[in-house]
């Protein structure tokens, strides 16, 4: 799975790399966590880097709390699971990152590792997104985020990261990894039909990636500083 990642690449580099302009200033995130609003590029607005909340809430959900359990979506079942099927068919996105974290068991407890491309450059993880409006607000029976029976509520826009089998590098850390899209295929992920897009849901080549141990401070999302990406001594 992917439960934590980083995106601190300078905004101008992200603009050039993905051909998209931020809708608002991009702040460096060294320890991005579920529930936070994070930068993505959606298929309905590929020229803009937007901010969506991590944890997908399907449009049919009764409670947005369902997003807490839907931060990842398995590539093998995207077209089958009701929670992800509609988004896979019509609402895909690029989740911008420059590294992600995984944990491995050691005699001293779980040791976090940061996984990046060998050059440290930014990349896009395959994502799905949704736009949810509370039923109570739609029917005028309540409010949400400031909505009232007289006003339209703000929709909640969320995303999930697609995961696949790990490559040989990540397999030493976890049994799943995020789908990292090849730089020349990101537009295809956004625009292709589901059958064509499925070809992209494969592990990224291990020889183009590296992993290194980092401080256990990354375990707490409140620790969001350059210190959490620094390499530490490997556990003995």
C-alpha atoms as a PDB file:
ATOM      1  CA  UNK A   1       0.000   0.000   0.000  1.00  0.00           C
ATOM      2  CA  UNK A   2       0.969   3.634  -0.027  1.00  0.00           C
ATOM      3  CA  UNK A   3       0.092   5.359   3.230  1.00  0.00           C
ATOM      4  CA  UNK A   4       2.539   8.259   3.267  1.00  0.00           C
ATOM      5  CA  UNK A   5       4.548  10.138   0.649  1.00  0.00           C
ATOM      6  CA  UNK A   6       6.396  13.378  -0.109  1.00  0.00           C
ATOM      7  CA  UNK A   7       6.033  16.176  -2.651  1.00  0.00           C
ATOM      8  CA  UNK A   8       8.407  19.083  -2.089  1.00  0.00           C
ATOM      9  CA  UNK A   9       9.725  19.570  -5.637  1.00  0.00           C
ATOM     10  CA  UNK A  10       9.775  23.315  -6.475  1.00  0.00           C
ATOM     11  CA  UNK A  11       6.477  24.486  -8.030  1.00  0.00           C
ATOM     12  CA  UNK A  12       8.136  25.736 -11.205  1.00  0.00           C
ATOM     13  CA  UNK A  13       9.682  22.296 -11.748  1.00  0.00           C
ATOM     14  CA  UNK A  14       6.296  20.643 -11.296  1.00  0.00           C
ATOM     15  CA  UNK A  15       4.725  23.077 -13.771  1.00  0.00           C
ATOM     16  CA  UNK A  16       7.331  22.247 -16.396  1.00  0.00           C
ATOM     17  CA  UNK A  17       7.267  18.524 -15.694  1.00  0.00           C
ATOM     18  CA  UNK A  18       3.493  18.071 -15.829  1.00  0.00           C
ATOM     19  CA  UNK A  19       2.440  20.969 -18.036  1.00  0.00           C
ATOM     20  CA  UNK A  20       0.011  22.227 -15.410  1.00  0.00           C
ATOM     21  CA  UNK A  21      -0.329  25.411 -13.361  1.00  0.00           C
ATOM     22  CA  UNK A  22      -1.132  25.306  -9.629  1.00  0.00           C
ATOM     23  CA  UNK A  23      -4.561  26.646  -8.694  1.00  0.00           C
ATOM     24  CA  UNK A  24      -3.031  27.960  -5.463  1.00  0.00           C
ATOM     25  CA  UNK A  25       0.480  28.114  -3.979  1.00  0.00           C
ATOM     26  CA  UNK A  26       2.101  24.715  -3.511  1.00  0.00           C
ATOM     27  CA  UNK A  27       3.580  24.092  -0.088  1.00  0.00           C
ATOM     28  CA  UNK A  28       6.340  21.499   0.378  1.00  0.00           C
ATOM     29  CA  UNK A  29       5.063  18.301   1.982  1.00  0.00           C
ATOM     30  CA  UNK A  30       7.688  15.947   3.366  1.00  0.00           C
ATOM     31  CA  UNK A  31       5.194  13.686   5.127  1.00  0.00           C
ATOM     32  CA  UNK A  32       1.892  13.774   3.236  1.00  0.00           C
ATOM     33  CA  UNK A  33      -0.797  11.751   5.001  1.00  0.00           C
ATOM     34  CA  UNK A  34      -4.395  10.574   4.427  1.00  0.00           C
ATOM     35  CA  UNK A  35      -7.051  13.192   5.104  1.00  0.00           C
ATOM     36  CA  UNK A  36      -4.878  16.047   3.855  1.00  0.00           C
ATOM     37  CA  UNK A  37      -5.473  18.140   0.737  1.00  0.00           C
ATOM     38  CA  UNK A  38      -2.672  17.335  -1.703  1.00  0.00           C
ATOM     39  CA  UNK A  39      -1.713  18.264  -5.299  1.00  0.00           C
ATOM     40  CA  UNK A  40      -3.172  16.238  -8.158  1.00  0.00           C
ATOM     41  CA  UNK A  41      -3.938  16.694 -11.850  1.00  0.00           C
ATOM     42  CA  UNK A  42      -7.429  15.494 -12.807  1.00  0.00           C
ATOM     43  CA  UNK A  43      -8.560  14.262 -16.209  1.00  0.00           C
ATOM     44  CA  UNK A  44     -11.253  16.949 -16.465  1.00  0.00           C
ATOM     45  CA  UNK A  45      -8.713  19.767 -15.995  1.00  0.00           C
ATOM     46  CA  UNK A  46      -5.276  18.465 -17.069  1.00  0.00           C
ATOM     47  CA  UNK A  47      -3.761  21.952 -17.258  1.00  0.00           C
ATOM     48  CA  UNK A  48      -4.251  22.648 -13.540  1.00  0.00           C
ATOM     49  CA  UNK A  49      -2.625  21.294 -10.397  1.00  0.00           C
ATOM     50  CA  UNK A  50      -5.502  21.101  -7.946  1.00  0.00           C
ATOM     51  CA  UNK A  51      -5.761  20.104  -4.277  1.00  0.00           C
ATOM     52  CA  UNK A  52      -7.969  17.138  -3.369  1.00  0.00           C
ATOM     53  CA  UNK A  53      -8.349  15.301  -0.091  1.00  0.00           C
ATOM     54  CA  UNK A  54      -6.573  11.941   0.197  1.00  0.00           C
ATOM     55  CA  UNK A  55      -9.143   9.221   0.919  1.00  0.00           C
ATOM     56  CA  UNK A  56     -11.691   8.525  -1.803  1.00  0.00           C
ATOM     57  CA  UNK A  57     -15.381   9.096  -1.041  1.00  0.00           C
ATOM     58  CA  UNK A  58     -17.638   7.567  -3.744  1.00  0.00           C
ATOM     59  CA  UNK A  59     -20.449   9.771  -4.990  1.00  0.00           C
ATOM     60  CA  UNK A  60     -23.015   7.325  -3.568  1.00  0.00           C
ATOM     61  CA  UNK A  61     -21.554   7.267  -0.029  1.00  0.00           C
ATOM     62  CA  UNK A  62     -23.791   8.132   2.915  1.00  0.00           C
ATOM     63  CA  UNK A  63     -20.881   9.164   5.129  1.00  0.00           C
ATOM     64  CA  UNK A  64     -17.652  10.863   3.977  1.00  0.00           C
ATOM     65  CA  UNK A  65     -15.860   8.982   6.732  1.00  0.00           C
ATOM     66  CA  UNK A  66     -15.635   6.054   4.314  1.00  0.00           C
ATOM     67  CA  UNK A  67     -12.650   7.857   2.790  1.00  0.00           C
ATOM     68  CA  UNK A  68     -10.527   6.959   5.821  1.00  0.00           C
ATOM     69  CA  UNK A  69     -10.475   3.354   4.607  1.00  0.00           C
ATOM     70  CA  UNK A  70     -10.072   4.120   0.902  1.00  0.00           C
ATOM     71  CA  UNK A  71      -6.672   5.718   0.482  1.00  0.00           C
ATOM     72  CA  UNK A  72      -5.538   2.970  -1.923  1.00  0.00           C
ATOM     73  CA  UNK A  73      -7.232   1.047  -4.737  1.00  0.00           C
ATOM     74  CA  UNK A  74      -5.953  -2.338  -5.955  1.00  0.00           C
ATOM     75  CA  UNK A  75      -5.173  -2.281  -9.684  1.00  0.00           C
ATOM     76  CA  UNK A  76      -6.411  -5.844 -10.126  1.00  0.00           C
ATOM     77  CA  UNK A  77      -9.990  -5.054  -9.072  1.00  0.00           C
ATOM     78  CA  UNK A  78     -10.612  -1.474 -10.234  1.00  0.00           C
ATOM     79  CA  UNK A  79     -13.223  -2.505 -12.793  1.00  0.00           C
ATOM     80  CA  UNK A  80     -14.995  -4.787 -10.295  1.00  0.00           C
ATOM     81  CA  UNK A  81     -15.210  -2.945  -6.969  1.00  0.00           C
ATOM     82  CA  UNK A  82     -18.259  -0.641  -6.719  1.00  0.00           C
ATOM     83  CA  UNK A  83     -16.176   1.803  -4.697  1.00  0.00           C
ATOM     84  CA  UNK A  84     -13.737   2.388  -7.557  1.00  0.00           C
ATOM     85  CA  UNK A  85     -15.423   1.247 -10.780  1.00  0.00           C
ATOM     86  CA  UNK A  86     -17.030   4.560 -11.765  1.00  0.00           C
ATOM     87  CA  UNK A  87     -13.917   6.559 -10.957  1.00  0.00           C
ATOM     88  CA  UNK A  88     -11.741   4.162 -12.955  1.00  0.00           C
ATOM     89  CA  UNK A  89     -14.023   4.562 -15.954  1.00  0.00           C
ATOM     90  CA  UNK A  90     -14.439   8.343 -15.830  1.00  0.00           C
ATOM     91  CA  UNK A  91     -12.347  10.085 -13.153  1.00  0.00           C
ATOM     92  CA  UNK A  92      -8.618   9.415 -13.155  1.00  0.00           C
ATOM     93  CA  UNK A  93      -5.862  11.645 -11.875  1.00  0.00           C
ATOM     94  CA  UNK A  94      -2.124  12.038 -11.427  1.00  0.00           C
ATOM     95  CA  UNK A  95      -0.987  12.124  -7.804  1.00  0.00           C
ATOM     96  CA  UNK A  96       2.197  14.193  -7.777  1.00  0.00           C
ATOM     97  CA  UNK A  97       5.064  12.889  -5.646  1.00  0.00           C
ATOM     98  CA  UNK A  98       8.825  12.695  -5.362  1.00  0.00           C
ATOM     99  CA  UNK A  99       8.983   9.781  -2.938  1.00  0.00           C
ATOM    100  CA  UNK A 100       6.872   7.471  -0.787  1.00  0.00           C
ATOM    101  CA  UNK A 101       7.388   5.634   2.484  1.00  0.00           C
ATOM    102  CA  UNK A 102       7.134   1.984   3.427  1.00  0.00           C
ATOM    103  CA  UNK A 103       7.906   0.195   6.686  1.00  0.00           C
ATOM    104  CA  UNK A 104       9.688  -3.087   7.300  1.00  0.00           C
ATOM    105  CA  UNK A 105       9.815  -5.181  10.443  1.00  0.00           C
ATOM    106  CA  UNK A 106      13.088  -5.268  12.406  1.00  0.00           C
ATOM    107  CA  UNK A 107      14.090  -6.568  15.821  1.00  0.00           C
ATOM    108  CA  UNK A 108      13.843  -2.978  17.046  1.00  0.00           C
ATOM    109  CA  UNK A 109      10.379  -2.400  15.574  1.00  0.00           C
ATOM    110  CA  UNK A 110       9.145  -1.043  12.264  1.00  0.00           C
ATOM    111  CA  UNK A 111      11.767   0.826  10.268  1.00  0.00           C
ATOM    112  CA  UNK A 112      10.566   3.389   7.693  1.00  0.00           C
ATOM    113  CA  UNK A 113      12.184   3.642   4.271  1.00  0.00           C
ATOM    114  CA  UNK A 114      11.801   6.347   1.666  1.00  0.00           C
ATOM    115  CA  UNK A 115      11.477   5.122  -1.919  1.00  0.00           C
ATOM    116  CA  UNK A 116      12.332   7.423  -4.825  1.00  0.00           C
ATOM    117  CA  UNK A 117      13.406   7.371  -8.437  1.00  0.00           C
ATOM    118  CA  UNK A 118      17.174   7.086  -8.689  1.00  0.00           C
ATOM    119  CA  UNK A 119      17.542  10.710  -9.799  1.00  0.00           C
ATOM    120  CA  UNK A 120      15.162  12.051  -7.150  1.00  0.00           C
ATOM    121  CA  UNK A 121      12.929  13.628  -9.800  1.00  0.00           C
ATOM    122  CA  UNK A 122       9.154  14.012  -9.359  1.00  0.00           C
ATOM    123  CA  UNK A 123       6.755  11.416 -10.715  1.00  0.00           C
ATOM    124  CA  UNK A 124       3.041  10.755 -10.975  1.00  0.00           C
ATOM    125  CA  UNK A 125       1.274   7.938  -9.170  1.00  0.00           C
ATOM    126  CA  UNK A 126      -1.872   6.642 -10.840  1.00  0.00           C
ATOM    127  CA  UNK A 127      -4.928   7.925  -9.005  1.00  0.00           C
ATOM    128  CA  UNK A 128      -8.722   7.950  -9.024  1.00  0.00           C
ATOM    129  CA  UNK A 129     -10.827  10.883  -7.906  1.00  0.00           C
ATOM    130  CA  UNK A 130     -14.422  11.575  -6.938  1.00  0.00           C
ATOM    131  CA  UNK A 131     -16.701  14.546  -6.248  1.00  0.00           C
ATOM    132  CA  UNK A 132     -19.189  13.981  -3.403  1.00  0.00           C
ATOM    133  CA  UNK A 133     -22.082  16.138  -2.244  1.00  0.00           C
ATOM    134  CA  UNK A 134     -23.923  15.209   0.980  1.00  0.00           C
ATOM    135  CA  UNK A 135     -27.407  13.878   0.392  1.00  0.00           C
ATOM    136  CA  UNK A 136     -28.804  15.864   3.310  1.00  0.00           C
ATOM    137  CA  UNK A 137     -27.662  19.099   1.730  1.00  0.00           C
ATOM    138  CA  UNK A 138     -28.930  18.034  -1.695  1.00  0.00           C
ATOM    139  CA  UNK A 139     -32.389  17.475  -0.259  1.00  0.00           C
ATOM    140  CA  UNK A 140     -32.345  20.594   1.913  1.00  0.00           C
ATOM    141  CA  UNK A 141     -32.481  18.604   5.153  1.00  0.00           C
ATOM    142  CA  UNK A 142     -29.252  19.807   6.656  1.00  0.00           C
ATOM    143  CA  UNK A 143     -25.982  21.510   6.031  1.00  0.00           C
ATOM    144  CA  UNK A 144     -22.372  20.599   5.367  1.00  0.00           C
ATOM    145  CA  UNK A 145     -19.282  22.827   5.230  1.00  0.00           C
ATOM    146  CA  UNK A 146     -21.417  25.904   5.617  1.00  0.00           C
ATOM    147  CA  UNK A 147     -24.210  24.768   3.301  1.00  0.00           C
ATOM    148  CA  UNK A 148     -27.830  25.542   4.233  1.00  0.00           C
ATOM    149  CA  UNK A 149     -31.183  24.662   2.640  1.00  0.00           C
ATOM    150  CA  UNK A 150     -30.871  27.975   0.785  1.00  0.00           C
ATOM    151  CA  UNK A 151     -27.313  27.504  -0.509  1.00  0.00           C
ATOM    152  CA  UNK A 152     -25.462  24.843  -2.437  1.00  0.00           C
ATOM    153  CA  UNK A 153     -22.889  23.022  -0.287  1.00  0.00           C
ATOM    154  CA  UNK A 154     -19.271  22.811  -1.302  1.00  0.00           C
ATOM    155  CA  UNK A 155     -18.598  19.409  -2.883  1.00  0.00           C
ATOM    156  CA  UNK A 156     -15.919  17.233  -1.317  1.00  0.00           C
ATOM    157  CA  UNK A 157     -13.300  16.177  -3.870  1.00  0.00           C
ATOM    158  CA  UNK A 158     -11.121  13.225  -2.926  1.00  0.00           C
ATOM    159  CA  UNK A 159      -8.635  10.757  -4.404  1.00  0.00           C
ATOM    160  CA  UNK A 160      -7.097   7.325  -3.937  1.00  0.00           C
ATOM    161  CA  UNK A 161      -3.730   5.981  -5.096  1.00  0.00           C
ATOM    162  CA  UNK A 162      -3.724   2.865  -7.282  1.00  0.00           C
ATOM    163  CA  UNK A 163      -1.432   0.059  -6.091  1.00  0.00           C
ATOM    164  CA  UNK A 164      -0.017  -3.022  -7.761  1.00  0.00           C
ATOM    165  CA  UNK A 165       2.378  -5.897  -7.064  1.00  0.00           C
ATOM    166  CA  UNK A 166       5.770  -4.679  -5.838  1.00  0.00           C
ATOM    167  CA  UNK A 167       8.950  -4.736  -7.869  1.00  0.00           C
ATOM    168  CA  UNK A 168      12.043  -6.491  -6.471  1.00  0.00           C
ATOM    169  CA  UNK A 169      13.142  -3.373  -4.576  1.00  0.00           C
ATOM    170  CA  UNK A 170       9.846  -2.634  -2.832  1.00  0.00           C
ATOM    171  CA  UNK A 171       9.096  -6.323  -2.215  1.00  0.00           C
ATOM    172  CA  UNK A 172      11.679  -6.266   0.566  1.00  0.00           C
ATOM    173  CA  UNK A 173       9.589  -3.587   2.301  1.00  0.00           C
ATOM    174  CA  UNK A 174       5.946  -4.339   1.462  1.00  0.00           C
ATOM    175  CA  UNK A 175       3.708  -6.637  -0.583  1.00  0.00           C
ATOM    176  CA  UNK A 176       2.175  -3.719  -2.540  1.00  0.00           C
ATOM    177  CA  UNK A 177       3.472  -0.542  -4.171  1.00  0.00           C
ATOM    178  CA  UNK A 178       1.932   2.506  -5.804  1.00  0.00           C
ATOM    179  CA  UNK A 179       1.644   2.529  -9.595  1.00  0.00           C
ATOM    180  CA  UNK A 180       4.266   4.978 -10.878  1.00  0.00           C
ATOM    181  CA  UNK A 181       3.332   6.064 -14.378  1.00  0.00           C
ATOM    182  CA  UNK A 182       6.060   6.345 -17.054  1.00  0.00           C
ATOM    183  CA  UNK A 183       6.647  10.003 -17.888  1.00  0.00           C
ATOM    184  CA  UNK A 184       5.461   9.516 -21.462  1.00  0.00           C
ATOM    185  CA  UNK A 185       2.260   7.733 -20.467  1.00  0.00           C
ATOM    186  CA  UNK A 186       0.678  10.073 -17.937  1.00  0.00           C
ATOM    187  CA  UNK A 187      -1.671  11.676 -20.465  1.00  0.00           C
ATOM    188  CA  UNK A 188      -2.750   8.202 -21.579  1.00  0.00           C
ATOM    189  CA  UNK A 189      -3.701   7.328 -18.006  1.00  0.00           C
ATOM    190  CA  UNK A 190      -5.909  10.408 -17.876  1.00  0.00           C
ATOM    191  CA  UNK A 191      -7.589   9.963 -21.266  1.00  0.00           C
ATOM    192  CA  UNK A 192      -7.524   6.293 -22.305  1.00  0.00           C
ATOM    193  CA  UNK A 193     -10.456   3.931 -22.075  1.00  0.00           C
ATOM    194  CA  UNK A 194     -10.253   1.515 -19.123  1.00  0.00           C
ATOM    195  CA  UNK A 195      -8.980  -1.435 -21.173  1.00  0.00           C
ATOM    196  CA  UNK A 196      -6.122   0.630 -22.569  1.00  0.00           C
ATOM    197  CA  UNK A 197      -5.337   2.251 -19.227  1.00  0.00           C
ATOM    198  CA  UNK A 198      -5.031  -1.180 -17.598  1.00  0.00           C
ATOM    199  CA  UNK A 199      -1.743  -1.750 -19.451  1.00  0.00           C
ATOM    200  CA  UNK A 200      -0.161   0.952 -17.290  1.00  0.00           C
ATOM    201  CA  UNK A 201      -0.954  -0.688 -13.949  1.00  0.00           C
ATOM    202  CA  UNK A 202       2.358  -2.508 -13.556  1.00  0.00           C
ATOM    203  CA  UNK A 203       5.321  -2.199 -11.162  1.00  0.00           C
ATOM    204  CA  UNK A 204       7.877   0.449 -12.036  1.00  0.00           C
ATOM    205  CA  UNK A 205      11.305  -1.029 -12.924  1.00  0.00           C
ATOM    206  CA  UNK A 206      13.299  -1.655  -9.754  1.00  0.00           C
ATOM    207  CA  UNK A 207      16.577  -0.581 -11.366  1.00  0.00           C
ATOM    208  CA  UNK A 208      15.161   2.929 -11.787  1.00  0.00           C
ATOM    209  CA  UNK A 209      14.428   3.302  -8.069  1.00  0.00           C
ATOM    210  CA  UNK A 210      16.208   3.415  -4.733  1.00  0.00           C
ATOM    211  CA  UNK A 211      15.162   2.966  -1.106  1.00  0.00           C
ATOM    212  CA  UNK A 212      16.908   4.227   2.017  1.00  0.00           C
ATOM    213  CA  UNK A 213      16.115   4.221   5.753  1.00  0.00           C
ATOM    214  CA  UNK A 214      14.802   7.385   7.367  1.00  0.00           C
ATOM    215  CA  UNK A 215      14.000   8.529  10.884  1.00  0.00           C
ATOM    216  CA  UNK A 216      11.056   7.026  12.747  1.00  0.00           C
ATOM    217  CA  UNK A 217       9.907  10.627  13.154  1.00  0.00           C
ATOM    218  CA  UNK A 218       8.060  10.104   9.859  1.00  0.00           C
ATOM    219  CA  UNK A 219       5.668   7.807  11.739  1.00  0.00           C
ATOM    220  CA  UNK A 220       3.879  10.926  13.028  1.00  0.00           C
ATOM    221  CA  UNK A 221       2.290  13.044  10.252  1.00  0.00           C
ATOM    222  CA  UNK A 222       2.818  16.099  12.452  1.00  0.00           C
ATOM    223  CA  UNK A 223       6.528  15.778  11.674  1.00  0.00           C
ATOM    224  CA  UNK A 224       6.502  17.412   8.251  1.00  0.00           C
ATOM    225  CA  UNK A 225       9.982  18.856   7.736  1.00  0.00           C
ATOM    226  CA  UNK A 226      13.105  18.125   5.664  1.00  0.00           C
ATOM    227  CA  UNK A 227      14.454  16.112   8.607  1.00  0.00           C
ATOM    228  CA  UNK A 228      12.137  13.180   7.852  1.00  0.00           C
ATOM    229  CA  UNK A 229      13.615  12.584   4.378  1.00  0.00           C
ATOM    230  CA  UNK A 230      17.230  12.438   5.533  1.00  0.00           C
ATOM    231  CA  UNK A 231      18.949   9.078   5.337  1.00  0.00           C
ATOM    232  CA  UNK A 232      19.832   7.399   8.623  1.00  0.00           C
ATOM    233  CA  UNK A 233      21.896   4.345   9.458  1.00  0.00           C
ATOM    234  CA  UNK A 234      20.256   1.107   8.421  1.00  0.00           C
ATOM    235  CA  UNK A 235      19.000  -0.980  11.348  1.00  0.00           C
ATOM    236  CA  UNK A 236      21.422  -3.673  12.405  1.00  0.00           C
END
